[in-house]
Amino acid sequence: MNLKEIKELIEIVEASSLSEFSLKEGNLEVSMKRNAVVSDAARLVVSETNREVPVEEPEAEEDTYIMSPMVGTFYNSPSPDAVSYVNVGDTVRKGQTLCIIEAMKLMNEIECEYDAEIVSVMVSNEQKVEYGQPLFKVRKI
């Protein structure tokens, strides 16, 4: 498991209602717990052969997630040769297309429901996505 996969796992767990999560893969052990007393932000400690390393600090409270409304395949552009609909740091307006999710051979444009800034794109182009899976972390404007 690489650092990118761990960061994606953190973002998925942060977007969920889980209070505790742990995963063991070979000699790598990842565990996350929400601190309900201080805030609802998750803190992560990764231990590999008894070594603890803090990985991520709590996110800003104004960040929110745009979730997948369906199961399908995520596309970040209208065609393989075209530029991405949005990139990290872009400002998007209400009604602007963020991506396409293909489901049962139908291309469904996913639009932003409010003005926002893209903080993170949480899935890769052509990645399979599930209903309710976080696609983008955004900051409402």
C-alpha atoms as a PDB file:
ATOM      1  CA  MET A   1       0.000   0.000   0.000  1.00  0.00           C
ATOM      2  CA  ASN A   2       1.533   3.332  -1.033  1.00  0.00           C
ATOM      3  CA  LEU A   3       1.064   6.815   0.434  1.00  0.00           C
ATOM      4  CA  LYS A   4      -1.499   7.797  -2.238  1.00  0.00           C
ATOM      5  CA  GLU A   5      -3.668   4.787  -1.394  1.00  0.00           C
ATOM      6  CA  ILE A   6      -3.445   5.610   2.325  1.00  0.00           C
ATOM      7  CA  LYS A   7      -4.486   9.225   1.672  1.00  0.00           C
ATOM      8  CA  GLU A   8      -7.455   8.041  -0.421  1.00  0.00           C
ATOM      9  CA  LEU A   9      -8.430   5.665   2.367  1.00  0.00           C
ATOM     10  CA  ILE A  10      -8.288   8.536   4.869  1.00  0.00           C
ATOM     11  CA  GLU A  11     -10.561  10.694   2.709  1.00  0.00           C
ATOM     12  CA  ILE A  12     -13.078   7.883   2.245  1.00  0.00           C
ATOM     13  CA  VAL A  13     -13.203   7.149   5.976  1.00  0.00           C
ATOM     14  CA  GLU A  14     -13.490  10.882   6.779  1.00  0.00           C
ATOM     15  CA  ALA A  15     -16.481  11.137   4.447  1.00  0.00           C
ATOM     16  CA  SER A  16     -18.192   8.183   6.094  1.00  0.00           C
ATOM     17  CA  SER A  17     -19.930   7.905   9.450  1.00  0.00           C
ATOM     18  CA  LEU A  18     -17.426   5.350  10.782  1.00  0.00           C
ATOM     19  CA  SER A  19     -15.994   6.118  14.203  1.00  0.00           C
ATOM     20  CA  GLU A  20     -13.182   3.566  13.962  1.00  0.00           C
ATOM     21  CA  PHE A  21     -11.447   1.717  11.107  1.00  0.00           C
ATOM     22  CA  SER A  22      -8.472  -0.646  10.898  1.00  0.00           C
ATOM     23  CA  LEU A  23      -6.794  -2.601   8.103  1.00  0.00           C
ATOM     24  CA  LYS A  24      -3.888  -5.043   8.142  1.00  0.00           C
ATOM     25  CA  GLU A  25      -2.089  -5.889   4.911  1.00  0.00           C
ATOM     26  CA  GLY A  26       1.120  -7.895   5.273  1.00  0.00           C
ATOM     27  CA  ASN A  27       3.350  -6.077   7.761  1.00  0.00           C
ATOM     28  CA  LEU A  28       1.441  -2.789   7.298  1.00  0.00           C
ATOM     29  CA  GLU A  29      -1.264  -1.939   9.802  1.00  0.00           C
ATOM     30  CA  VAL A  30      -3.518   1.135   9.423  1.00  0.00           C
ATOM     31  CA  SER A  31      -5.983   2.243  12.076  1.00  0.00           C
ATOM     32  CA  MET A  32      -8.135   5.378  12.271  1.00  0.00           C
ATOM     33  CA  LYS A  33     -10.318   6.704  15.084  1.00  0.00           C
ATOM     34  CA  ARG A  34     -12.512   9.780  15.223  1.00  0.00           C
ATOM     35  CA  ASN A  35     -12.008  12.064  18.199  1.00  0.00           C
ATOM     36  CA  ALA A  36     -15.599  13.066  19.055  1.00  0.00           C
ATOM     37  CA  VAL A  37     -14.570  15.224  22.025  1.00  0.00           C
ATOM     38  CA  VAL A  38     -12.300  17.620  20.119  1.00  0.00           C
ATOM     39  CA  SER A  39     -13.848  17.430  16.643  1.00  0.00           C
ATOM     40  CA  ASP A  40     -15.192  14.936  14.118  1.00  0.00           C
ATOM     41  CA  ALA A  41     -11.904  14.926  12.181  1.00  0.00           C
ATOM     42  CA  ALA A  42     -10.114  11.600  11.849  1.00  0.00           C
ATOM     43  CA  ARG A  43      -6.508  11.173  12.902  1.00  0.00           C
ATOM     44  CA  LEU A  44      -4.400   8.389  11.467  1.00  0.00           C
ATOM     45  CA  VAL A  45      -1.483   6.475  12.845  1.00  0.00           C
ATOM     46  CA  VAL A  46       0.303   4.032  10.567  1.00  0.00           C
ATOM     47  CA  SER A  47       2.455   1.427  12.232  1.00  0.00           C
ATOM     48  CA  GLU A  48       4.806  -0.765  10.291  1.00  0.00           C
ATOM     49  CA  THR A  49       6.909  -3.117  12.384  1.00  0.00           C
ATOM     50  CA  ASN A  50       6.032  -1.235  15.604  1.00  0.00           C
ATOM     51  CA  ARG A  51       6.787   2.241  14.202  1.00  0.00           C
ATOM     52  CA  GLU A  52       4.107   4.975  14.489  1.00  0.00           C
ATOM     53  CA  VAL A  53       3.960   7.855  12.002  1.00  0.00           C
ATOM     54  CA  PRO A  54       1.268  10.599  11.968  1.00  0.00           C
ATOM     55  CA  VAL A  55       0.025  10.989   8.403  1.00  0.00           C
ATOM     56  CA  GLU A  56      -2.728  13.602   8.179  1.00  0.00           C
ATOM     57  CA  GLU A  57      -4.093  16.450  10.267  1.00  0.00           C
ATOM     58  CA  PRO A  58      -7.818  17.239  10.550  1.00  0.00           C
ATOM     59  CA  GLU A  59      -9.341  18.943   7.527  1.00  0.00           C
ATOM     60  CA  ALA A  60     -10.939  22.360   7.521  1.00  0.00           C
ATOM     61  CA  GLU A  61     -14.599  22.274   8.564  1.00  0.00           C
ATOM     62  CA  GLU A  62     -15.840  24.039   5.433  1.00  0.00           C
ATOM     63  CA  ASP A  63     -14.667  21.216   3.140  1.00  0.00           C
ATOM     64  CA  THR A  64     -17.413  18.934   1.874  1.00  0.00           C
ATOM     65  CA  TYR A  65     -17.678  16.016  -0.557  1.00  0.00           C
ATOM     66  CA  ILE A  66     -19.480  15.425  -3.820  1.00  0.00           C
ATOM     67  CA  MET A  67     -20.587  11.798  -3.820  1.00  0.00           C
ATOM     68  CA  SER A  68     -21.325   9.448  -6.680  1.00  0.00           C
ATOM     69  CA  PRO A  69     -25.089   9.260  -7.278  1.00  0.00           C
ATOM     70  CA  MET A  70     -24.760   5.822  -8.917  1.00  0.00           C
ATOM     71  CA  VAL A  71     -22.589   2.796  -9.601  1.00  0.00           C
ATOM     72  CA  GLY A  72     -20.561   3.105 -12.795  1.00  0.00           C
ATOM     73  CA  THR A  73     -17.289   4.171 -14.396  1.00  0.00           C
ATOM     74  CA  PHE A  74     -15.865   7.643 -13.649  1.00  0.00           C
ATOM     75  CA  TYR A  75     -14.581   9.771 -16.552  1.00  0.00           C
ATOM     76  CA  ASN A  76     -12.901  13.133 -15.926  1.00  0.00           C
ATOM     77  CA  SER A  77     -13.333  14.366 -19.524  1.00  0.00           C
ATOM     78  CA  PRO A  78     -15.857  14.027 -22.362  1.00  0.00           C
ATOM     79  CA  SER A  79     -13.395  11.969 -24.467  1.00  0.00           C
ATOM     80  CA  PRO A  80      -9.946  10.417 -24.015  1.00  0.00           C
ATOM     81  CA  ASP A  81      -8.290  13.261 -25.968  1.00  0.00           C
ATOM     82  CA  ALA A  82     -10.123  16.116 -24.214  1.00  0.00           C
ATOM     83  CA  VAL A  83      -8.951  18.050 -21.159  1.00  0.00           C
ATOM     84  CA  SER A  84     -10.448  17.274 -17.729  1.00  0.00           C
ATOM     85  CA  TYR A  85     -13.701  18.972 -16.769  1.00  0.00           C
ATOM     86  CA  VAL A  86     -12.113  20.147 -13.505  1.00  0.00           C
ATOM     87  CA  ASN A  87      -8.741  20.053 -11.766  1.00  0.00           C
ATOM     88  CA  VAL A  88      -7.596  20.694  -8.198  1.00  0.00           C
ATOM     89  CA  GLY A  89      -7.767  24.424  -7.481  1.00  0.00           C
ATOM     90  CA  ASP A  90     -10.457  25.154 -10.092  1.00  0.00           C
ATOM     91  CA  THR A  91     -13.467  27.260  -9.137  1.00  0.00           C
ATOM     92  CA  VAL A  92     -16.717  25.737 -10.378  1.00  0.00           C
ATOM     93  CA  ARG A  93     -20.186  27.258 -10.627  1.00  0.00           C
ATOM     94  CA  LYS A  94     -23.555  25.735  -9.832  1.00  0.00           C
ATOM     95  CA  GLY A  95     -24.652  23.548 -12.751  1.00  0.00           C
ATOM     96  CA  GLN A  96     -21.119  23.130 -14.159  1.00  0.00           C
ATOM     97  CA  THR A  97     -20.229  19.574 -15.270  1.00  0.00           C
ATOM     98  CA  LEU A  98     -17.638  17.951 -13.002  1.00  0.00           C
ATOM     99  CA  CYS A  99     -17.359  14.503 -14.595  1.00  0.00           C
ATOM    100  CA  ILE A 100     -19.240  11.734 -16.372  1.00  0.00           C
ATOM    101  CA  ILE A 101     -20.309   8.448 -14.844  1.00  0.00           C
ATOM    102  CA  GLU A 102     -21.088   5.713 -17.333  1.00  0.00           C
ATOM    103  CA  ALA A 103     -23.775   3.324 -16.150  1.00  0.00           C
ATOM    104  CA  MET A 104     -25.312   0.682 -18.410  1.00  0.00           C
ATOM    105  CA  LYS A 105     -23.826   2.330 -21.516  1.00  0.00           C
ATOM    106  CA  LEU A 106     -25.412   5.688 -20.610  1.00  0.00           C
ATOM    107  CA  MET A 107     -23.160   8.704 -20.036  1.00  0.00           C
ATOM    108  CA  ASN A 108     -24.442  10.687 -17.022  1.00  0.00           C
ATOM    109  CA  GLU A 109     -23.023  14.173 -16.526  1.00  0.00           C
ATOM    110  CA  ILE A 110     -22.504  14.968 -12.850  1.00  0.00           C
ATOM    111  CA  GLU A 111     -23.019  18.670 -12.154  1.00  0.00           C
ATOM    112  CA  CYS A 112     -22.003  20.761  -9.165  1.00  0.00           C
ATOM    113  CA  GLU A 113     -24.961  21.740  -6.977  1.00  0.00           C
ATOM    114  CA  TYR A 114     -23.302  24.950  -5.681  1.00  0.00           C
ATOM    115  CA  ASP A 115     -20.393  27.305  -6.339  1.00  0.00           C
ATOM    116  CA  ALA A 116     -17.202  25.693  -5.022  1.00  0.00           C
ATOM    117  CA  GLU A 117     -13.454  25.272  -5.268  1.00  0.00           C
ATOM    118  CA  ILE A 118     -12.064  21.799  -6.067  1.00  0.00           C
ATOM    119  CA  VAL A 119      -9.811  20.737  -3.166  1.00  0.00           C
ATOM    120  CA  SER A 120      -9.190  17.135  -4.233  1.00  0.00           C
ATOM    121  CA  VAL A 121     -10.204  14.711  -6.998  1.00  0.00           C
ATOM    122  CA  MET A 122     -10.628  11.440  -5.123  1.00  0.00           C
ATOM    123  CA  VAL A 123     -10.939   8.957  -8.008  1.00  0.00           C
ATOM    124  CA  SER A 124      -8.915   8.204 -11.114  1.00  0.00           C
ATOM    125  CA  ASN A 125     -10.099   8.410 -14.703  1.00  0.00           C
ATOM    126  CA  GLU A 126     -11.901   5.206 -15.779  1.00  0.00           C
ATOM    127  CA  GLN A 127     -12.124   3.994 -12.162  1.00  0.00           C
ATOM    128  CA  LYS A 128     -15.196   2.006 -11.118  1.00  0.00           C
ATOM    129  CA  VAL A 129     -17.211   3.907  -8.492  1.00  0.00           C
ATOM    130  CA  GLU A 130     -19.924   2.879  -6.066  1.00  0.00           C
ATOM    131  CA  TYR A 131     -23.090   4.679  -5.016  1.00  0.00           C
ATOM    132  CA  GLY A 132     -22.221   7.224  -2.309  1.00  0.00           C
ATOM    133  CA  GLN A 133     -18.464   7.057  -2.936  1.00  0.00           C
ATOM    134  CA  PRO A 134     -16.710  10.448  -2.589  1.00  0.00           C
ATOM    135  CA  LEU A 135     -15.669  11.788  -6.017  1.00  0.00           C
ATOM    136  CA  PHE A 136     -14.469  15.299  -5.126  1.00  0.00           C
ATOM    137  CA  LYS A 137     -13.558  17.165  -1.957  1.00  0.00           C
ATOM    138  CA  VAL A 138     -14.716  20.773  -2.401  1.00  0.00           C
ATOM    139  CA  ARG A 139     -14.864  23.999  -0.438  1.00  0.00           C
ATOM    140  CA  LYS A 140     -18.152  25.870  -0.892  1.00  0.00           C
ATOM    141  CA  ILE A 141     -17.789  29.492  -1.979  1.00  0.00           C
END
